[in-house]
């Protein structure tokens, strides 16, 4: 057996290839025993392992106990089906934390139905779509989305079943079950003559999501995440960070769900019903987090001529949808009240752009543009803080 070890911060990854049996198990144990100083997370990558004996299983359990003694964690990644079946047969699936090896997928010839900041959606057939993350997105994002999608479904979010993680080159994605589905963006394009009714349907759907209180704590708190983004952003000074975090901490913690990318390209039509996909950023927080990103796509991207590219919704129609959407969502306020609402929306829109800046979404050109854009969206007094 071959062992390849890398260490990053407090995480050690051991990539194994070959057979984890009598000869190899002591080698793995010795390696772990001598290299775990200051390690809090141990990852055993089983992508190249084709056999595990009972001795190998005991070596894995010893590694798990070792990490437990060190107050750390053990994860097994890229576990092939035969080895996963072995874990289940022996009952170790109830003890070990492991991830199955994704099956491979080619997108050659598939229809691109939507494109966002972190990935693309392709239609595989009439019953299946795949959300494929870009290669700059962390590998664990697909598994995170699969779990969030599962819990969202249980919480009552109209979302298709997420049933598999896939690999396409150096990109990972997640398969969603669909039934003759099309995006809301394309539905709008086909029904522009009844735009008011379609927008009302869109607003009702968003309010439905924003009324759901999950019964599990798996969904992160959006305010906590946002404060972390502010702390990590290098171009803010200390006074600017304090300003942003103070305002974020004033956000009412409603405990209801947000999607954080609730534009029409991430909503599918199943007959006459709406269904949500792209669940990787779901959290709990104020609807303003969602409204900020909806405005970003339907207003800002449309102004740059990019909305159609990302969502399949024409730029002129996107502008019209946003105007009708924001008015309807807030029960048609007067112009003065609407201006205050949109200013508040812009604050949360800026925060999402901080996150997109940090993950380098859109490449270096867009990253540079985002920095200027963030300052434009925030109150004037913010930029004056030195």
Protein backbone atom coordinates (compact mmCIF):
# COMPACT_ATOMS: atom_id res chain seq x y z
CA UNK A 1 0.00 0.00 0.00
CA UNK A 2 1.12 3.56 -0.80
CA UNK A 3 0.53 6.39 1.68
CA UNK A 4 0.75 10.05 0.67
CA UNK A 5 0.47 12.60 3.48
CA UNK A 6 -0.20 16.35 3.38
CA UNK A 7 -0.72 18.74 6.30
CA UNK A 8 -2.51 22.07 6.13
CA UNK A 9 -3.01 24.05 9.32
CA UNK A 10 -4.37 21.52 11.84
CA UNK A 11 -5.63 19.07 9.21
CA UNK A 12 -3.69 16.04 8.01
CA UNK A 13 -4.81 14.15 4.91
CA UNK A 14 -3.51 10.64 4.20
CA UNK A 15 -4.23 9.36 0.69
CA UNK A 16 -4.17 5.57 0.57
CA UNK A 17 -3.88 3.35 -2.49
CA UNK A 18 -3.81 -0.43 -2.65
CA UNK A 19 -4.90 -2.96 -0.04
CA UNK A 20 -5.32 -2.07 3.62
CA UNK A 21 -4.52 -5.50 5.03
CA UNK A 22 -2.04 -7.27 7.35
CA UNK A 23 1.11 -5.73 5.84
CA UNK A 24 -0.19 -2.19 5.39
CA UNK A 25 -2.23 -1.67 8.56
CA UNK A 26 0.82 -1.38 10.91
CA UNK A 27 2.39 1.14 8.52
CA UNK A 28 -0.72 3.30 8.67
CA UNK A 29 -0.85 3.03 12.47
CA UNK A 30 2.82 4.03 12.81
CA UNK A 31 2.41 6.99 10.48
CA UNK A 32 -0.59 8.26 12.43
CA UNK A 33 1.09 7.75 15.81
CA UNK A 34 4.15 9.81 14.81
CA UNK A 35 2.53 12.69 12.91
CA UNK A 36 -0.56 13.70 14.89
CA UNK A 37 1.08 16.44 16.97
CA UNK A 38 -1.16 19.56 16.78
CA UNK A 39 -3.54 17.80 14.36
CA UNK A 40 -7.25 18.30 15.05
CA UNK A 41 -8.66 16.77 11.88
CA UNK A 42 -7.47 13.55 10.25
CA UNK A 43 -8.75 12.70 6.76
CA UNK A 44 -8.16 9.26 5.29
CA UNK A 45 -8.74 9.42 1.53
CA UNK A 46 -9.80 5.94 0.37
CA UNK A 47 -10.07 6.83 -3.31
CA UNK A 48 -7.32 4.39 -4.26
CA UNK A 49 -8.17 1.58 -1.81
CA UNK A 50 -9.61 -1.59 -3.34
CA UNK A 51 -9.64 -3.89 -0.28
CA UNK A 52 -9.82 -3.62 3.51
CA UNK A 53 -9.30 -6.63 5.81
CA UNK A 54 -10.38 -7.03 9.42
CA UNK A 55 -6.90 -5.87 10.46
CA UNK A 56 -7.38 -2.79 8.33
CA UNK A 57 -10.72 -2.09 9.99
CA UNK A 58 -9.05 -2.26 13.41
CA UNK A 59 -6.40 0.21 12.23
CA UNK A 60 -9.17 2.64 11.24
CA UNK A 61 -10.86 2.28 14.61
CA UNK A 62 -7.52 2.87 16.38
CA UNK A 63 -7.09 6.06 14.35
CA UNK A 64 -10.56 7.18 15.36
CA UNK A 65 -9.82 6.52 19.05
CA UNK A 66 -6.51 8.36 18.74
CA UNK A 67 -8.26 11.44 17.34
CA UNK A 68 -10.93 11.22 20.03
CA UNK A 69 -8.20 11.22 22.69
CA UNK A 70 -6.75 14.33 21.03
CA UNK A 71 -10.21 15.97 20.95
CA UNK A 72 -10.11 15.87 17.16
CA UNK A 73 -12.05 14.14 14.40
CA UNK A 74 -11.54 11.42 11.79
CA UNK A 75 -13.15 11.50 8.36
CA UNK A 76 -12.98 8.92 5.60
CA UNK A 77 -13.41 10.30 2.08
CA UNK A 78 -13.92 8.78 -1.37
CA UNK A 79 -14.98 5.41 0.03
CA UNK A 80 -15.81 3.05 -2.84
CA UNK A 81 -19.05 1.07 -2.85
CA UNK A 82 -17.52 -2.31 -1.87
CA UNK A 83 -15.78 -0.78 1.14
CA UNK A 84 -18.88 1.24 2.11
CA UNK A 85 -20.86 -2.00 1.92
CA UNK A 86 -18.25 -3.59 4.23
CA UNK A 87 -18.69 -0.76 6.76
CA UNK A 88 -22.46 -1.27 6.68
CA UNK A 89 -22.19 -5.07 6.96
CA UNK A 90 -19.95 -4.81 10.04
CA UNK A 91 -21.98 -2.01 11.62
CA UNK A 92 -19.11 0.47 11.35
CA UNK A 93 -21.31 2.83 9.34
CA UNK A 94 -22.89 3.75 12.69
CA UNK A 95 -19.49 4.55 14.18
CA UNK A 96 -17.38 6.02 11.37
CA UNK A 97 -17.96 9.26 9.55
CA UNK A 98 -17.37 8.50 5.88
CA UNK A 99 -18.25 9.88 2.47
CA UNK A 100 -18.81 7.68 -0.55
CA UNK A 101 -16.70 8.21 -3.65
CA UNK A 102 -18.68 10.31 -6.15
CA UNK A 103 -19.56 8.72 -9.43
CA UNK A 104 -18.10 10.38 -12.52
CA UNK A 105 -20.19 12.42 -14.93
CA UNK A 106 -19.55 14.06 -18.29
CA UNK A 107 -21.43 17.24 -19.22
CA UNK A 108 -20.61 16.92 -22.92
CA UNK A 109 -23.80 17.49 -24.86
CA UNK A 110 -25.87 18.44 -21.80
CA UNK A 111 -28.09 21.52 -21.88
CA UNK A 112 -26.94 24.39 -19.68
CA UNK A 113 -30.06 25.69 -17.96
CA UNK A 114 -28.63 28.14 -15.41
CA UNK A 115 -25.34 29.67 -14.30
CA UNK A 116 -24.59 31.31 -10.97
CA UNK A 117 -21.71 32.69 -8.97
CA UNK A 118 -20.49 29.30 -7.78
CA UNK A 119 -21.64 26.83 -10.40
CA UNK A 120 -23.85 25.77 -13.28
CA UNK A 121 -26.96 23.64 -13.67
CA UNK A 122 -27.23 21.15 -16.53
CA UNK A 123 -30.24 19.16 -17.60
CA UNK A 124 -29.34 15.46 -17.81
CA UNK A 125 -32.76 14.18 -18.84
CA UNK A 126 -36.44 14.96 -18.24
CA UNK A 127 -36.15 13.78 -14.63
CA UNK A 128 -32.64 14.83 -13.55
CA UNK A 129 -30.51 17.96 -13.35
CA UNK A 130 -27.01 18.38 -11.97
CA UNK A 131 -25.70 21.38 -10.04
CA UNK A 132 -21.97 21.44 -10.85
CA UNK A 133 -19.73 23.68 -8.76
CA UNK A 134 -16.88 25.61 -10.36
CA UNK A 135 -13.40 24.29 -9.60
CA UNK A 136 -12.57 27.15 -7.20
CA UNK A 137 -15.36 26.06 -4.82
CA UNK A 138 -14.31 23.84 -1.93
CA UNK A 139 -14.66 20.12 -2.56
CA UNK A 140 -16.89 19.63 0.48
CA UNK A 141 -19.54 22.03 -0.85
CA UNK A 142 -21.42 19.34 -2.79
CA UNK A 143 -21.77 17.13 0.28
CA UNK A 144 -22.81 20.12 2.36
CA UNK A 145 -25.48 21.02 -0.18
CA UNK A 146 -26.77 17.46 -0.29
CA UNK A 147 -27.30 17.47 3.48
CA UNK A 148 -28.85 20.96 3.51
CA UNK A 149 -31.18 19.97 0.67
CA UNK A 150 -32.26 16.87 2.60
CA UNK A 151 -33.00 18.87 5.74
CA UNK A 152 -34.75 21.61 3.75
CA UNK A 153 -37.02 18.97 2.21
CA UNK A 154 -37.86 17.64 5.68
CA UNK A 155 -38.53 21.21 6.90
CA UNK A 156 -41.14 21.69 4.17
CA UNK A 157 -39.20 23.54 1.49
CA UNK A 158 -40.54 22.62 -1.97
CA UNK A 159 -37.34 21.10 -3.30
CA UNK A 160 -36.55 17.98 -5.32
CA UNK A 161 -34.77 15.04 -3.79
CA UNK A 162 -30.99 15.32 -3.84
CA UNK A 163 -29.73 11.80 -4.29
CA UNK A 164 -26.13 11.65 -5.42
CA UNK A 165 -22.82 13.51 -5.46
CA UNK A 166 -20.93 13.39 -8.76
CA UNK A 167 -17.47 14.27 -10.04
CA UNK A 168 -16.70 15.90 -13.38
CA UNK A 169 -12.97 16.34 -13.86
CA UNK A 170 -11.84 18.48 -10.92
CA UNK A 171 -15.36 19.73 -10.24
CA UNK A 172 -17.99 18.26 -7.94
CA UNK A 173 -21.73 18.47 -8.14
CA UNK A 174 -25.02 17.13 -6.91
CA UNK A 175 -27.85 15.42 -8.76
CA UNK A 176 -31.43 16.52 -8.21
CA UNK A 177 -34.52 14.59 -9.13
CA UNK A 178 -36.70 16.60 -11.50
CA UNK A 179 -39.89 15.86 -13.42
CA UNK A 180 -40.17 17.68 -16.77
CA UNK A 181 -38.83 20.78 -15.08
CA UNK A 182 -37.85 24.15 -16.52
CA UNK A 183 -36.48 27.20 -14.75
CA UNK A 184 -38.73 30.03 -13.62
CA UNK A 185 -36.52 32.30 -15.74
CA UNK A 186 -37.50 30.46 -18.91
CA UNK A 187 -41.12 30.31 -17.79
CA UNK A 188 -41.12 34.11 -17.40
CA UNK A 189 -39.65 34.53 -20.87
CA UNK A 190 -42.47 32.42 -22.31
CA UNK A 191 -45.16 34.25 -20.32
CA UNK A 192 -44.18 37.91 -20.50
CA UNK A 193 -47.74 38.76 -21.52
CA UNK A 194 -48.90 37.73 -18.01
CA UNK A 195 -45.90 39.07 -16.12
CA UNK A 196 -47.89 40.47 -13.17
CA UNK A 197 -49.38 37.05 -12.39
CA UNK A 198 -46.04 35.26 -12.72
CA UNK A 199 -44.30 37.75 -10.44
CA UNK A 200 -47.06 37.32 -7.85
CA UNK A 201 -46.42 33.58 -7.98
CA UNK A 202 -42.69 34.25 -7.48
CA UNK A 203 -43.34 36.56 -4.51
CA UNK A 204 -45.71 34.06 -2.88
CA UNK A 205 -43.10 31.33 -3.25
CA UNK A 206 -40.35 33.45 -1.67
CA UNK A 207 -42.60 34.38 1.25
CA UNK A 208 -43.37 30.71 1.72
CA UNK A 209 -39.65 29.95 2.08
CA UNK A 210 -39.21 32.92 4.41
CA UNK A 211 -41.95 31.65 6.74
CA UNK A 212 -40.43 28.22 7.38
CA UNK A 213 -38.90 27.65 10.83
CA UNK A 214 -36.63 24.59 10.65
CA UNK A 215 -36.71 22.04 13.45
CA UNK A 216 -32.99 21.28 13.18
CA UNK A 217 -29.96 23.44 13.90
CA UNK A 218 -28.08 22.25 10.81
CA UNK A 219 -28.79 25.55 9.04
CA UNK A 220 -26.19 28.19 9.94
CA UNK A 221 -27.09 31.64 11.20
CA UNK A 222 -26.71 34.14 8.35
CA UNK A 223 -25.69 37.01 10.63
CA UNK A 224 -22.87 34.95 12.16
CA UNK A 225 -21.67 33.97 8.68
CA UNK A 226 -21.87 37.56 7.48
CA UNK A 227 -19.83 38.86 10.41
CA UNK A 228 -17.19 36.26 9.54
CA UNK A 229 -17.09 37.50 5.94
CA UNK A 230 -16.60 41.06 7.16
CA UNK A 231 -13.75 39.99 9.46
CA UNK A 232 -12.04 38.11 6.61
CA UNK A 233 -12.24 40.95 4.07
CA UNK A 234 -8.83 42.61 3.88
CA UNK A 235 -9.84 45.96 2.39
CA UNK A 236 -12.02 47.02 5.36
CA UNK A 237 -10.35 48.95 8.15
CA UNK A 238 -11.19 48.31 11.81
CA UNK A 239 -13.79 51.11 12.02
CA UNK A 240 -15.52 49.92 8.87
CA UNK A 241 -15.63 46.36 10.17
CA UNK A 242 -17.12 47.57 13.45
CA UNK A 243 -19.74 49.61 11.55
CA UNK A 244 -20.82 46.65 9.43
CA UNK A 245 -20.88 44.15 12.28
CA UNK A 246 -22.81 46.51 14.56
CA UNK A 247 -25.49 46.87 11.91
CA UNK A 248 -25.55 43.14 11.19
CA UNK A 249 -25.98 42.36 14.88
CA UNK A 250 -29.05 44.60 14.93
CA UNK A 251 -30.68 42.22 12.45
CA UNK A 252 -33.77 40.61 13.89
CA UNK A 253 -33.08 36.89 14.36
CA UNK A 254 -36.32 35.49 12.97
CA UNK A 255 -35.14 31.90 12.85
CA UNK A 256 -36.75 31.41 9.43
CA UNK A 257 -35.08 30.03 6.34
CA UNK A 258 -33.32 31.96 3.61
CA UNK A 259 -31.89 30.53 0.40
CA UNK A 260 -29.35 33.32 -0.26
CA UNK A 261 -29.55 32.93 -4.04
CA UNK A 262 -33.29 32.96 -4.67
CA UNK A 263 -33.23 34.25 -8.26
CA UNK A 264 -35.50 32.73 -10.96
CA UNK A 265 -32.69 30.57 -12.37
CA UNK A 266 -32.64 28.57 -9.12
CA UNK A 267 -36.39 27.97 -9.10
CA UNK A 268 -37.84 25.21 -11.24
CA UNK A 269 -41.35 24.72 -12.61
CA UNK A 270 -42.94 21.35 -11.97
CA UNK A 271 -46.24 21.65 -13.78
CA UNK A 272 -47.82 24.73 -12.17
CA UNK A 273 -45.77 24.47 -8.97
CA UNK A 274 -42.45 26.05 -8.04
CA UNK A 275 -39.54 24.04 -6.72
CA UNK A 276 -36.20 25.25 -5.30
CA UNK A 277 -32.73 24.00 -6.21
CA UNK A 278 -29.12 25.06 -5.42
CA UNK A 279 -29.34 24.64 -1.66
CA UNK A 280 -25.68 25.06 -0.71
CA UNK A 281 -26.06 28.44 1.04
CA UNK A 282 -29.32 27.88 2.92
CA UNK A 283 -29.33 29.46 6.36
CA UNK A 284 -31.62 31.13 8.87
CA UNK A 285 -31.93 34.89 8.83
CA UNK A 286 -33.85 37.93 7.69
CA UNK A 287 -35.44 37.81 4.19
CA UNK A 288 -33.35 40.87 3.36
CA UNK A 289 -30.38 38.55 2.77
CA UNK A 290 -32.39 36.91 -0.02
CA UNK A 291 -33.81 40.16 -1.33
CA UNK A 292 -30.32 41.60 -1.66
CA UNK A 293 -29.15 38.75 -3.88
CA UNK A 294 -32.37 38.79 -5.93
CA UNK A 295 -31.78 42.49 -6.63
CA UNK A 296 -28.14 41.77 -7.44
CA UNK A 297 -29.15 39.34 -10.19
CA UNK A 298 -32.32 40.97 -11.55
CA UNK A 299 -31.15 44.58 -11.34
CA UNK A 300 -27.36 44.83 -11.26
CA UNK A 301 -26.50 41.87 -13.50
CA UNK A 302 -29.25 42.92 -15.88
CA UNK A 303 -27.75 46.40 -16.01
CA UNK A 304 -24.44 44.85 -17.07
CA UNK A 305 -26.17 42.67 -19.67
CA UNK A 306 -25.34 39.51 -17.69
CA UNK A 307 -28.67 38.33 -16.29
CA UNK A 308 -29.54 36.24 -19.33
CA UNK A 309 -26.10 34.64 -19.26
CA UNK A 310 -26.48 33.61 -15.62
CA UNK A 311 -30.18 32.77 -15.39
CA UNK A 312 -31.72 32.54 -18.85
CA UNK A 313 -33.93 35.56 -18.11
CA UNK A 314 -33.60 38.45 -20.57
CA UNK A 315 -32.01 41.57 -19.09
CA UNK A 316 -34.90 43.94 -19.92
CA UNK A 317 -37.45 41.50 -18.52
CA UNK A 318 -35.30 41.00 -15.41
CA UNK A 319 -35.43 44.73 -14.68
CA UNK A 320 -39.23 44.66 -14.99
CA UNK A 321 -39.47 41.61 -12.76
CA UNK A 322 -37.42 43.28 -10.02
CA UNK A 323 -39.56 46.44 -10.01
CA UNK A 324 -42.77 44.43 -9.76
CA UNK A 325 -41.26 41.94 -7.28
CA UNK A 326 -40.01 44.43 -4.69
CA UNK A 327 -43.25 46.42 -4.85
CA UNK A 328 -45.37 43.29 -4.41
CA UNK A 329 -43.21 41.74 -1.67
CA UNK A 330 -43.71 44.86 0.49
CA UNK A 331 -47.40 45.35 -0.42
CA UNK A 332 -46.86 48.25 -2.81
CA UNK A 333 -45.37 50.95 -0.55
CA UNK A 334 -45.21 54.60 -1.61
CA UNK A 335 -42.03 55.85 -3.29
CA UNK A 336 -40.52 57.27 -0.08
CA UNK A 337 -41.01 54.01 1.86
CA UNK A 338 -39.75 51.98 -1.10
CA UNK A 339 -36.55 54.04 -1.21
CA UNK A 340 -35.87 53.18 2.45
CA UNK A 341 -36.58 49.50 1.77
CA UNK A 342 -34.22 49.41 -1.19
CA UNK A 343 -31.47 51.11 0.83
CA UNK A 344 -31.81 48.36 3.43
CA UNK A 345 -31.79 45.73 0.70
CA UNK A 346 -28.58 47.24 -0.68
CA UNK A 347 -26.85 46.81 2.66
CA UNK A 348 -27.47 43.05 2.65
CA UNK A 349 -26.63 42.93 -1.04
CA UNK A 350 -23.24 44.43 -0.22
CA UNK A 351 -22.66 41.76 2.42
CA UNK A 352 -23.31 38.97 -0.10
CA UNK A 353 -20.83 40.63 -2.44
CA UNK A 354 -18.22 40.54 0.32
CA UNK A 355 -18.68 36.76 0.37
CA UNK A 356 -18.46 36.58 -3.44
CA UNK A 357 -15.32 38.72 -3.33
CA UNK A 358 -13.72 36.38 -0.81
CA UNK A 359 -14.39 33.28 -2.90
CA UNK A 360 -13.16 35.05 -6.07
CA UNK A 361 -16.43 34.42 -7.85
CA UNK A 362 -16.28 35.69 -11.43
CA UNK A 363 -12.49 35.86 -11.57
CA UNK A 364 -10.09 38.73 -10.92
CA UNK A 365 -11.89 41.25 -13.16
CA UNK A 366 -15.18 40.82 -11.34
CA UNK A 367 -13.37 40.69 -8.00
CA UNK A 368 -11.89 44.14 -8.60
CA UNK A 369 -15.27 45.44 -9.68
CA UNK A 370 -16.95 44.03 -6.59
CA UNK A 371 -14.72 46.02 -4.25
CA UNK A 372 -15.86 49.31 -5.79
CA UNK A 373 -19.40 48.05 -5.98
CA UNK A 374 -19.51 47.16 -2.27
CA UNK A 375 -18.56 50.70 -1.29
CA UNK A 376 -21.19 52.11 -3.68
CA UNK A 377 -23.97 50.07 -2.06
CA UNK A 378 -23.12 50.92 1.55
CA UNK A 379 -24.11 54.20 3.24
CA UNK A 380 -21.91 57.21 2.41
CA UNK A 381 -20.71 57.55 5.98
CA UNK A 382 -19.24 54.06 5.76
CA UNK A 383 -16.64 55.03 3.16
CA UNK A 384 -15.62 58.03 5.30
CA UNK A 385 -14.63 55.85 8.25
CA UNK A 386 -10.85 55.94 8.53
